[in-house]
Amino acid sequence: MPQNITPYNNQQAPKKEQVAHMFNNISKTYDFLNHFMSLGIDIIWRKKAIAELKKDAPQLILDVATGTGDFAIEAINMLRPQKIIGVDISEGMLDIARRKIEQRGLQDVFEVQMGDSEKLLFEDNTFDAVTVAYGVRNYENLEKGISDMLRVLKPGGKIVILEFSKPQVFPVKQLYNFYFNSVTPSIGKLFSKNNHAYKYLPQSVAAFPDGKDFVKLMAKCGYKNAKYRTLLFGISSIYIGSK
């Protein structure tokens, strides 16, 4: 299970503490490395995920594991909601998100706060939509986190999750595994000076129950119409469900 994979295998601290520490360490180079290592494709994937909410026109959105705020800012551009609240366990990532909010004059629309994805500090039935981009594989207790996001969704509200998955077709699978396991940690170490984070990335993806397994977990937690679609031969996937 993904909760057994931690960034610092030699530490006894809970996974969420290790994840927060890891993201605090890499926060300054996070955006650059994301775009650099994905050749900018991550930007296209985010747009595809947000487009899943266009018909619903949600006005109040919760962005869980908001990080540096890129996904939420793109959602503001594409969906024009009244308000997005972003929560994350890394203060270092949130500092960068706050800087972006100020630079873009988004204070009235986008607000960020420290928050635990498994114990969201919001009332039941609060949000029209919940989004997560590349965050769920970092949850300490995946089922608990998925269930708590359902709790804060309004009846009829929708969740959209964008996450790495494991391609199965030859030769994409082999190239992907080589890039993720050999190239990514080297680039990450070079630019971020943090070897743990980019070794943890492929390990956490390998351990994540992607595709049909994740859809089954969503259904088990109570989501209706849970489904997924793959992007670029299965390198990433978009998961959708409603309350």
Foldseek 3Di string as FASTA:
>chain_A
DLLQQALDNVDPDGRQVRVQVVCLLQQVCVVVLVCVLVVNVVVVVLLVLLVVCQVVLWQEEEEEQCFLPPSVVVNCVRRVHQAYEYEHQHPNRVVNNVVVCVVVVVVRHYHYDYDQLLDGPAAFQATLEYEYEADLLSHNDNLSSLLVRQRNHHAFHKYKYKHFEQFDDPPCNVVVCCCQQPVQLVVCCVPSVRSSVSNSVVVSRVPDPDAPRVQVSNVVSPWPPWHKDADDRRRMMMIMTGD
